[in-house]
Protein backbone atom coordinates (compact mmCIF):
# COMPACT_ATOMS: atom_id res chain seq x y z
CA UNK A 1 71.20 99.60 134.77
CA UNK A 2 69.53 96.43 136.01
CA UNK A 3 67.75 95.93 139.32
CA UNK A 4 70.61 93.72 140.49
CA UNK A 5 73.10 96.48 139.69
CA UNK A 6 70.95 99.03 141.52
CA UNK A 7 70.60 97.03 144.74
CA UNK A 8 74.04 97.83 146.24
CA UNK A 9 73.66 101.49 145.26
CA UNK A 10 70.25 101.74 146.92
CA UNK A 11 71.42 99.93 150.04
CA UNK A 12 74.37 102.31 150.33
CA UNK A 13 72.05 105.29 149.89
CA UNK A 14 69.74 103.93 152.57
CA UNK A 15 72.53 103.59 155.10
CA UNK A 16 74.27 106.88 154.26
CA UNK A 17 71.22 109.07 153.79
CA UNK A 18 69.29 107.81 156.79
CA UNK A 19 72.40 107.46 158.96
CA UNK A 20 71.56 103.89 159.96
CA UNK A 21 74.30 103.61 162.56
CA UNK A 22 75.88 100.22 162.93
CA UNK A 23 74.33 98.89 159.74
CA UNK A 24 76.23 98.32 156.51
CA UNK A 25 74.45 98.24 153.16
CA UNK A 26 75.69 94.74 152.46
CA UNK A 27 73.99 93.59 155.67
CA UNK A 28 70.55 94.63 154.42
CA UNK A 29 68.51 91.84 152.89
CA UNK A 30 67.18 92.49 149.41
CA UNK A 31 63.64 91.98 150.70
CA UNK A 32 64.10 93.84 154.00
CA UNK A 33 60.90 95.83 154.64
CA UNK A 34 61.63 99.54 154.52
CA UNK A 35 58.56 100.48 156.54
CA UNK A 36 57.43 98.71 159.68
CA UNK A 37 60.37 96.30 159.91
CA UNK A 38 63.59 96.74 161.81
CA UNK A 39 64.45 99.76 159.66
CA UNK A 40 61.14 101.40 160.52
CA UNK A 41 61.33 104.20 158.01
CA UNK A 42 58.80 106.99 158.26
CA UNK A 43 57.59 109.55 155.74
CA UNK A 44 60.45 111.96 156.44
CA UNK A 45 62.98 109.14 155.90
CA UNK A 46 61.25 108.23 152.63
CA UNK A 47 61.50 111.82 151.38
CA UNK A 48 65.19 111.99 152.31
CA UNK A 49 65.77 108.76 150.41
CA UNK A 50 63.90 110.08 147.37
CA UNK A 51 66.04 113.22 147.31
CA UNK A 52 69.20 111.08 147.48
CA UNK A 53 67.94 108.80 144.68
CA UNK A 54 67.02 111.72 142.47
CA UNK A 55 70.37 113.40 143.09
CA UNK A 56 72.54 110.31 142.60
CA UNK A 57 70.63 108.52 139.84
CA UNK A 58 69.09 111.48 138.05
CA UNK A 59 65.58 110.03 137.94
CA UNK A 60 62.41 111.71 139.22
CA UNK A 61 60.38 109.80 141.79
CA UNK A 62 56.71 110.85 141.77
CA UNK A 63 55.03 111.37 145.12
CA UNK A 64 52.48 108.62 144.53
CA UNK A 65 55.28 106.04 144.34
CA UNK A 66 56.60 106.86 147.81
CA UNK A 67 55.38 104.48 150.46
CA UNK A 68 53.65 102.20 147.98
CA UNK A 69 54.69 98.77 146.77
CA UNK A 70 57.64 100.28 144.93
CA UNK A 71 59.12 101.27 148.31
CA UNK A 72 58.37 97.98 150.07
CA UNK A 73 61.99 96.77 150.07
CA UNK A 74 65.35 97.50 148.45
CA UNK A 75 64.56 94.89 145.75
CA UNK A 76 61.11 96.38 145.03
CA UNK A 77 62.66 99.83 144.75
CA UNK A 78 65.41 98.57 142.44
CA UNK A 79 62.87 96.81 140.23
CA UNK A 80 60.75 99.96 140.09
CA UNK A 81 63.73 102.20 139.29
CA UNK A 82 65.50 100.03 136.68
CA UNK A 83 63.05 100.60 133.79
CA UNK A 84 62.79 104.31 134.60
CA UNK A 85 66.55 104.65 134.41
CA UNK A 86 66.55 102.73 131.12
CA UNK A 87 63.98 105.15 129.69
CA UNK A 88 65.94 108.24 130.66
CA UNK A 89 69.39 106.76 130.59
CA UNK A 90 71.83 106.61 133.44
CA UNK A 91 73.59 109.75 134.57
């Protein structure tokens, strides 16, 4: 699965998992900051998102990746996840 294919999935997971009321996944910019921007995710939100990613995509997300550059935006997360999914295959 490519990063471009992952983007809508990740945006949907963001909205559903974090219950971002009034916001649709397709209204999130690819480079929308996950932390500190209008979404303002915190560490608990990040952990909830990781659990959703691991459950839906079947890929482990190590703790050191959370909150780093790989979690900077939906695009950064998709680009970080794509090669890991390719290594382990898609569920």
